[in-house]
């Protein structure tokens, strides 16, 4: 006879007592973050309105006396509820309303610059939706994948609309006029990034043009997927920039690719060209065994980072004499770059650091832009 025994409920393991494995998935951190996000956004918009009215809420003016009325530019009139979906999830926020007095004595509805009219999602949320879609899945799968984050507020129609908006924004950026942009220098380089196309990881080549304005500010001008760095590919990119109104640059910084050199000669012959010193350094390594790399680096840096043009020239000749005897391929590689490796010496020494290399294109901010958000987009619409 089999004897049946039971244990008190208090002795049962916790895993056996759980009715639903998802009952305890309440996350106080996520809940608090969403609450704080609502407060922050509302305070941001209220602060924007305070600035527009030149006075905080419930105050007539920051000025005292009869002069206070001169600072009043409008009045508040309640608020309205708006739904906003961001990477923090969907929330309901109270947006203040106000009427502003115009110079003609009439009033107009105040509009927030932080939260645009009819905006229902943040730009980061739109970027997340678009990048998920461009990863190679369809609209329904995107909706299911992002359901937990967006609380079911993003449907397949929203995904389609977001993609169309991103595509429209890209087209507008890619065709914008450059006629009024004071670009004086260009940094041109090709870069290779890893992406997923047709559910397979692959490498693609992108041609990148970075502009430098007269005040030193750098601005991205073009990113094109042309299948390579041939002269024809670069000529297409340069012709597009010229067609959009780009002025003849005063200085060019290039990676030394033969195709780019030919394209530049056909459109901007005579413009000073600086060969990237970082790329040439890597080229020297390719012509010597690894045991010589440290010595090559020391001699190369002594030459490139000398403080005067005369000192650079002396060390250049010394570099060629030494390596022609020790490892001729290294000296030949340096001579191949010619005078364009030292074009930066025509400029004031204070500018040498910023014009010696195309390394700006490989810096983290642009690399992250290409890899995290934009690369799939460029592959899909370039």
Protein backbone atom coordinates (compact mmCIF):
# COMPACT_ATOMS: atom_id res chain seq x y z
CA UNK A 1 0.00 0.00 0.00
CA UNK A 2 1.36 3.34 -1.05
CA UNK A 3 1.48 5.97 1.64
CA UNK A 4 0.71 9.50 0.51
CA UNK A 5 2.27 12.36 2.39
CA UNK A 6 1.81 16.09 1.96
CA UNK A 7 3.74 19.13 3.11
CA UNK A 8 2.30 22.34 4.51
CA UNK A 9 1.98 25.18 2.05
CA UNK A 10 4.70 27.06 3.87
CA UNK A 11 7.15 24.27 3.04
CA UNK A 12 6.45 24.32 -0.72
CA UNK A 13 9.24 25.83 -2.85
CA UNK A 14 8.55 29.32 -4.14
CA UNK A 15 8.72 28.11 -7.74
CA UNK A 16 5.84 25.70 -7.13
CA UNK A 17 3.69 28.38 -5.49
CA UNK A 18 3.95 30.79 -8.44
CA UNK A 19 0.70 30.82 -10.39
CA UNK A 20 2.01 32.79 -13.34
CA UNK A 21 5.74 33.25 -14.06
CA UNK A 22 5.06 36.83 -15.21
CA UNK A 23 3.06 37.93 -12.14
CA UNK A 24 6.17 39.34 -10.45
CA UNK A 25 7.51 41.23 -13.48
CA UNK A 26 6.55 44.64 -12.12
CA UNK A 27 9.64 46.81 -12.41
CA UNK A 28 9.66 49.77 -9.99
CA UNK A 29 12.71 51.25 -11.76
CA UNK A 30 10.93 51.43 -15.14
CA UNK A 31 7.79 52.82 -13.52
CA UNK A 32 9.74 55.54 -11.72
CA UNK A 33 11.71 56.43 -14.87
CA UNK A 34 8.48 56.94 -16.83
CA UNK A 35 7.02 59.09 -14.05
CA UNK A 36 10.14 61.23 -13.93
CA UNK A 37 10.16 61.49 -17.72
CA UNK A 38 6.62 62.92 -17.60
CA UNK A 39 7.63 65.47 -14.96
CA UNK A 40 10.77 66.47 -16.85
CA UNK A 41 8.95 66.99 -20.16
CA UNK A 42 6.19 69.03 -18.54
CA UNK A 43 8.73 71.20 -16.69
CA UNK A 44 10.69 71.67 -19.91
CA UNK A 45 7.64 72.93 -21.79
CA UNK A 46 6.49 75.13 -18.88
CA UNK A 47 9.96 76.68 -18.74
CA UNK A 48 9.79 77.35 -22.47
CA UNK A 49 6.45 79.13 -22.01
CA UNK A 50 7.80 81.14 -19.05
CA UNK A 51 10.55 82.44 -21.30
CA UNK A 52 8.09 83.33 -24.07
CA UNK A 53 5.86 85.27 -21.63
CA UNK A 54 8.85 86.83 -19.81
CA UNK A 55 7.44 85.77 -16.46
CA UNK A 56 7.00 82.57 -14.46
CA UNK A 57 3.61 81.04 -13.78
CA UNK A 58 1.35 82.86 -11.27
CA UNK A 59 3.51 85.99 -11.46
CA UNK A 60 2.64 89.19 -13.24
CA UNK A 61 6.21 90.05 -14.10
CA UNK A 62 9.76 89.97 -12.79
CA UNK A 63 9.63 93.77 -12.72
CA UNK A 64 7.95 95.82 -10.08
CA UNK A 65 5.71 98.87 -10.27
CA UNK A 66 3.83 100.25 -13.24
CA UNK A 67 6.56 99.13 -15.66
CA UNK A 68 5.54 95.49 -15.22
CA UNK A 69 2.79 95.66 -17.80
CA UNK A 70 5.28 96.46 -20.54
CA UNK A 71 6.87 93.00 -20.19
CA UNK A 72 3.63 91.05 -20.56
CA UNK A 73 3.57 89.52 -24.04
CA UNK A 74 0.54 87.28 -23.63
CA UNK A 75 -1.46 85.17 -21.21
CA UNK A 76 -1.93 81.52 -20.29
CA UNK A 77 -5.24 79.80 -20.78
CA UNK A 78 -5.22 76.30 -19.35
CA UNK A 79 -3.60 73.17 -20.76
CA UNK A 80 -4.35 70.17 -22.91
CA UNK A 81 -3.37 66.52 -22.64
CA UNK A 82 -1.02 65.05 -25.21
CA UNK A 83 0.12 61.46 -25.72
CA UNK A 84 3.85 61.08 -26.32
CA UNK A 85 5.77 57.88 -27.00
CA UNK A 86 9.51 57.79 -26.51
CA UNK A 87 12.17 55.27 -25.62
CA UNK A 88 10.80 55.63 -22.09
CA UNK A 89 7.44 54.25 -23.31
CA UNK A 90 4.04 55.91 -23.80
CA UNK A 91 3.04 58.68 -21.38
CA UNK A 92 0.34 61.33 -21.05
CA UNK A 93 1.58 64.87 -20.50
CA UNK A 94 -0.17 68.16 -19.75
CA UNK A 95 0.90 70.81 -22.25
CA UNK A 96 0.22 74.43 -21.20
CA UNK A 97 -1.57 76.75 -23.61
CA UNK A 98 -1.11 80.49 -24.08
CA UNK A 99 -1.91 83.39 -26.38
CA UNK A 100 0.91 85.71 -27.41
CA UNK A 101 0.42 89.34 -28.36
CA UNK A 102 1.71 90.23 -31.81
CA UNK A 103 3.23 93.53 -32.88
CA UNK A 104 -0.10 94.41 -34.59
CA UNK A 105 -1.94 94.12 -31.27
CA UNK A 106 -3.56 90.80 -32.13
CA UNK A 107 -2.99 87.45 -30.41
CA UNK A 108 -1.75 84.12 -31.71
CA UNK A 109 -1.54 80.66 -30.18
CA UNK A 110 1.80 79.88 -28.56
CA UNK A 111 3.61 76.86 -30.03
CA UNK A 112 6.27 74.88 -28.23
CA UNK A 113 9.55 74.38 -30.06
CA UNK A 114 10.47 71.36 -27.93
CA UNK A 115 7.21 69.52 -28.68
CA UNK A 116 6.06 70.17 -32.21
CA UNK A 117 2.41 70.38 -33.20
CA UNK A 118 0.86 66.95 -33.73
CA UNK A 119 4.04 65.22 -32.57
CA UNK A 120 3.21 61.85 -31.04
CA UNK A 121 6.67 60.28 -30.82
CA UNK A 122 10.15 61.51 -30.00
CA UNK A 123 12.82 61.53 -32.69
CA UNK A 124 14.70 58.78 -30.82
CA UNK A 125 11.57 56.59 -30.91
CA UNK A 126 11.19 57.16 -34.65
CA UNK A 127 14.86 56.27 -35.16
CA UNK A 128 14.41 53.06 -33.16
CA UNK A 129 11.34 52.05 -35.17
CA UNK A 130 13.02 52.83 -38.49
CA UNK A 131 16.28 51.04 -37.64
CA UNK A 132 14.37 47.95 -36.50
CA UNK A 133 12.41 47.94 -39.73
CA UNK A 134 15.55 48.45 -41.80
CA UNK A 135 17.24 45.53 -40.06
CA UNK A 136 15.34 43.33 -42.47
CA UNK A 137 12.02 42.51 -40.79
CA UNK A 138 8.47 43.43 -41.75
CA UNK A 139 6.07 45.91 -40.15
CA UNK A 140 4.13 43.34 -38.11
CA UNK A 141 7.29 41.85 -36.64
CA UNK A 142 8.57 45.31 -35.75
CA UNK A 143 5.29 45.97 -33.93
CA UNK A 144 5.64 42.73 -31.95
CA UNK A 145 9.33 43.29 -31.23
CA UNK A 146 8.71 46.79 -29.82
CA UNK A 147 5.39 46.02 -28.10
CA UNK A 148 6.90 45.77 -24.61
CA UNK A 149 8.82 49.04 -24.95
CA UNK A 150 6.02 51.09 -26.49
CA UNK A 151 3.14 49.48 -24.62
CA UNK A 152 1.34 48.41 -27.79
CA UNK A 153 0.98 51.98 -29.07
CA UNK A 154 3.04 51.30 -32.20
CA UNK A 155 1.20 49.36 -34.90
CA UNK A 156 2.27 48.31 -38.37
CA UNK A 157 0.74 51.48 -39.85
CA UNK A 158 2.88 53.55 -37.48
CA UNK A 159 5.97 51.67 -38.63
CA UNK A 160 5.13 52.37 -42.27
CA UNK A 161 4.49 56.08 -41.60
CA UNK A 162 7.73 56.38 -39.62
CA UNK A 163 9.71 54.81 -42.45
CA UNK A 164 8.16 57.16 -45.00
CA UNK A 165 9.03 60.14 -42.80
CA UNK A 166 12.63 58.97 -42.35
CA UNK A 167 12.92 58.41 -46.09
CA UNK A 168 11.52 61.89 -46.75
CA UNK A 169 13.91 63.48 -44.24
CA UNK A 170 16.84 61.66 -45.82
CA UNK A 171 15.88 62.79 -49.33
CA UNK A 172 15.61 66.39 -48.13
CA UNK A 173 19.00 66.24 -46.39
CA UNK A 174 20.63 64.57 -49.36
CA UNK A 175 19.45 67.26 -51.78
CA UNK A 176 19.72 70.36 -49.59
CA UNK A 177 21.43 73.40 -51.06
CA UNK A 178 25.04 74.07 -50.06
CA UNK A 179 25.27 77.43 -51.83
CA UNK A 180 25.10 79.48 -48.62
CA UNK A 181 27.24 77.17 -46.51
CA UNK A 182 30.71 78.76 -45.98
CA UNK A 183 32.67 75.55 -46.57
CA UNK A 184 36.40 76.22 -46.99
CA UNK A 185 37.88 72.73 -46.57
CA UNK A 186 36.84 69.19 -47.37
CA UNK A 187 37.83 65.90 -45.75
CA UNK A 188 37.21 63.00 -48.13
CA UNK A 189 37.63 59.34 -47.27
CA UNK A 190 36.16 55.91 -47.81
CA UNK A 191 35.13 53.78 -44.85
CA UNK A 192 34.01 50.18 -44.56
CA UNK A 193 31.22 49.22 -42.16
CA UNK A 194 29.59 45.93 -41.23
CA UNK A 195 25.82 45.68 -41.75
CA UNK A 196 23.12 43.07 -42.15
CA UNK A 197 21.67 42.79 -45.65
CA UNK A 198 19.19 40.05 -46.52
CA UNK A 199 19.76 38.63 -43.03
CA UNK A 200 23.47 38.20 -43.66
CA UNK A 201 26.37 40.14 -42.19
CA UNK A 202 28.40 41.84 -44.88
CA UNK A 203 30.81 44.73 -45.38
CA UNK A 204 29.98 47.73 -47.52
CA UNK A 205 32.08 50.67 -48.66
CA UNK A 206 30.82 54.19 -48.01
CA UNK A 207 32.24 57.39 -49.47
CA UNK A 208 32.15 60.17 -46.89
CA UNK A 209 32.63 63.92 -47.34
CA UNK A 210 33.06 66.13 -44.28
CA UNK A 211 33.09 69.90 -44.70
CA UNK A 212 34.88 72.44 -42.55
CA UNK A 213 33.31 75.89 -42.30
CA UNK A 214 35.22 79.14 -42.05
CA UNK A 215 34.71 79.17 -38.26
CA UNK A 216 36.18 75.66 -37.93
CA UNK A 217 32.85 73.85 -37.46
CA UNK A 218 32.67 70.46 -39.15
CA UNK A 219 29.52 69.41 -41.00
CA UNK A 220 28.66 66.16 -42.74
CA UNK A 221 27.99 66.84 -46.43
CA UNK A 222 27.54 63.45 -48.06
CA UNK A 223 27.55 59.71 -47.42
CA UNK A 224 27.19 57.50 -50.47
CA UNK A 225 27.23 53.77 -50.99
CA UNK A 226 28.83 53.49 -54.43
CA UNK A 227 30.19 49.96 -54.32
CA UNK A 228 33.82 51.06 -54.13
CA UNK A 229 36.28 53.94 -54.36
CA UNK A 230 36.79 54.14 -58.11
CA UNK A 231 37.35 57.44 -59.92
CA UNK A 232 33.84 57.20 -61.38
CA UNK A 233 32.29 56.67 -57.95
CA UNK A 234 34.08 59.65 -56.40
CA UNK A 235 33.34 61.81 -59.44
CA UNK A 236 29.62 61.09 -58.98
CA UNK A 237 29.84 62.23 -55.35
CA UNK A 238 31.77 65.41 -56.17
CA UNK A 239 29.50 66.30 -59.10
CA UNK A 240 26.48 66.01 -56.80
CA UNK A 241 28.06 68.39 -54.26
CA UNK A 242 28.84 70.92 -56.99
CA UNK A 243 25.33 70.62 -58.40
CA UNK A 244 23.97 71.45 -54.93
CA UNK A 245 25.99 74.67 -54.86
CA UNK A 246 29.18 73.73 -53.01
CA UNK A 247 31.84 76.39 -53.60
CA UNK A 248 35.33 75.56 -54.77
CA UNK A 249 37.17 74.55 -51.56
CA UNK A 250 40.41 76.15 -50.47
CA UNK A 251 41.98 72.96 -49.10
CA UNK A 252 41.41 69.21 -49.46
CA UNK A 253 42.38 66.37 -47.11
CA UNK A 254 42.30 62.92 -48.73
CA UNK A 255 43.19 59.31 -47.95
CA UNK A 256 45.39 58.85 -51.01
CA UNK A 257 43.13 56.49 -52.96
CA UNK A 258 44.00 56.72 -56.71
CA UNK A 259 40.33 56.97 -57.72
CA UNK A 260 39.79 59.99 -55.48
CA UNK A 261 42.92 61.70 -56.79
CA UNK A 262 41.67 61.37 -60.37
CA UNK A 263 38.21 62.66 -59.50
CA UNK A 264 39.63 65.71 -57.71
CA UNK A 265 41.93 66.54 -60.64
CA UNK A 266 38.95 66.55 -62.98
CA UNK A 267 36.85 69.04 -60.98
CA UNK A 268 39.17 71.04 -58.68
CA UNK A 269 42.55 71.02 -60.34
CA UNK A 270 44.94 73.35 -58.53
CA UNK A 271 43.35 73.14 -55.08
CA UNK A 272 45.99 72.24 -52.42
CA UNK A 273 45.65 68.59 -51.42
CA UNK A 274 46.91 67.09 -48.17
CA UNK A 275 47.61 63.35 -48.17
CA UNK A 276 46.48 61.77 -44.87
CA UNK A 277 49.56 61.17 -42.70
CA UNK A 278 47.81 58.39 -40.74
CA UNK A 279 47.02 56.41 -43.90
CA UNK A 280 50.62 56.77 -45.11
CA UNK A 281 51.89 55.54 -41.75
CA UNK A 282 49.82 52.38 -42.20
CA UNK A 283 51.12 52.00 -45.75
CA UNK A 284 54.71 52.01 -44.48
CA UNK A 285 53.87 49.10 -42.17
CA UNK A 286 52.57 47.13 -45.15
CA UNK A 287 56.04 47.34 -46.76
CA UNK A 288 58.08 46.12 -43.79
CA UNK A 289 58.18 43.16 -41.39
CA UNK A 290 56.58 43.64 -37.99
CA UNK A 291 59.94 43.73 -36.19
CA UNK A 292 60.65 47.10 -37.89
CA UNK A 293 57.32 48.76 -37.12
CA UNK A 294 58.36 50.46 -33.89
CA UNK A 295 61.47 51.92 -35.49
CA UNK A 296 59.49 53.12 -38.52
CA UNK A 297 56.95 54.78 -36.20
CA UNK A 298 59.63 56.61 -34.24
CA UNK A 299 61.34 57.97 -37.36
CA UNK A 300 58.03 58.82 -39.07
CA UNK A 301 56.63 60.70 -36.06
CA UNK A 302 59.89 62.66 -35.65
CA UNK A 303 59.46 63.82 -39.24
CA UNK A 304 55.69 64.49 -39.35
CA UNK A 305 55.47 66.21 -35.96
CA UNK A 306 58.50 68.45 -36.31
CA UNK A 307 57.74 72.07 -35.48
CA UNK A 308 58.98 73.92 -38.58
CA UNK A 309 58.90 73.24 -42.36
CA UNK A 310 62.71 73.34 -42.49
CA UNK A 311 63.02 70.77 -39.72
CA UNK A 312 60.45 68.54 -41.42
CA UNK A 313 62.42 68.65 -44.68
CA UNK A 314 65.69 67.75 -42.95
CA UNK A 315 64.12 64.77 -41.20
CA UNK A 316 62.37 63.69 -44.38
CA UNK A 317 65.68 63.44 -46.24
CA UNK A 318 67.19 61.59 -43.29
CA UNK A 319 64.27 59.14 -43.24
CA UNK A 320 64.68 58.34 -46.95
CA UNK A 321 68.48 57.92 -46.70
CA UNK A 322 68.21 55.57 -43.74
CA UNK A 323 65.40 53.38 -44.99
CA UNK A 324 66.68 53.18 -48.56
CA UNK A 325 69.65 51.30 -47.11
CA UNK A 326 67.81 49.41 -44.36
CA UNK A 327 64.56 48.47 -46.14
CA UNK A 328 64.15 50.13 -49.52
CA UNK A 329 60.39 49.42 -49.85
CA UNK A 330 59.69 51.73 -46.87
CA UNK A 331 61.62 54.61 -48.46
CA UNK A 332 59.90 54.04 -51.80
CA UNK A 333 56.49 54.11 -50.11
CA UNK A 334 57.23 57.45 -48.47
CA UNK A 335 58.51 58.95 -51.72
CA UNK A 336 55.34 57.77 -53.48
CA UNK A 337 53.28 60.28 -51.46
CA UNK A 338 55.44 63.12 -52.72
CA UNK A 339 54.98 66.71 -51.61
CA UNK A 340 51.27 66.20 -50.88
CA UNK A 341 52.16 64.47 -47.61
CA UNK A 342 53.51 67.82 -46.40
CA UNK A 343 50.99 70.28 -47.87
CA UNK A 344 49.95 71.16 -44.31
CA UNK A 345 53.23 73.11 -43.91
CA UNK A 346 51.81 75.84 -46.19
CA UNK A 347 49.36 76.75 -43.44
CA UNK A 348 50.05 78.40 -40.07
CA UNK A 349 51.48 75.87 -37.54
CA UNK A 350 48.41 76.35 -35.33
CA UNK A 351 46.35 74.58 -38.03
CA UNK A 352 48.68 71.68 -38.73
CA UNK A 353 47.06 69.29 -36.30
CA UNK A 354 43.59 69.62 -37.85
CA UNK A 355 44.68 69.27 -41.51
CA UNK A 356 47.22 66.44 -41.42
CA UNK A 357 44.72 63.58 -41.49
CA UNK A 358 41.27 62.38 -42.55
CA UNK A 359 40.96 60.72 -39.15
CA UNK A 360 37.96 62.91 -38.33
CA UNK A 361 35.88 60.52 -40.42
CA UNK A 362 37.02 57.57 -38.30
CA UNK A 363 36.29 59.25 -34.99
CA UNK A 364 33.72 57.72 -32.69
CA UNK A 365 30.86 60.16 -33.25
CA UNK A 366 30.70 59.52 -37.00
CA UNK A 367 31.52 55.82 -36.73
CA UNK A 368 28.67 55.35 -34.24
CA UNK A 369 26.34 57.30 -36.53
CA UNK A 370 27.17 55.04 -39.44
CA UNK A 371 27.03 51.76 -37.59
CA UNK A 372 24.18 52.25 -35.13
CA UNK A 373 21.51 54.13 -37.01
CA UNK A 374 22.32 55.28 -40.45
CA UNK A 375 24.13 52.50 -42.28
CA UNK A 376 21.09 50.33 -42.89
CA UNK A 377 19.24 53.43 -44.01
CA UNK A 378 21.95 54.33 -46.50
CA UNK A 379 22.00 50.77 -47.84
CA UNK A 380 18.25 50.84 -48.32
CA UNK A 381 17.91 54.24 -50.02
CA UNK A 382 21.33 55.28 -51.39
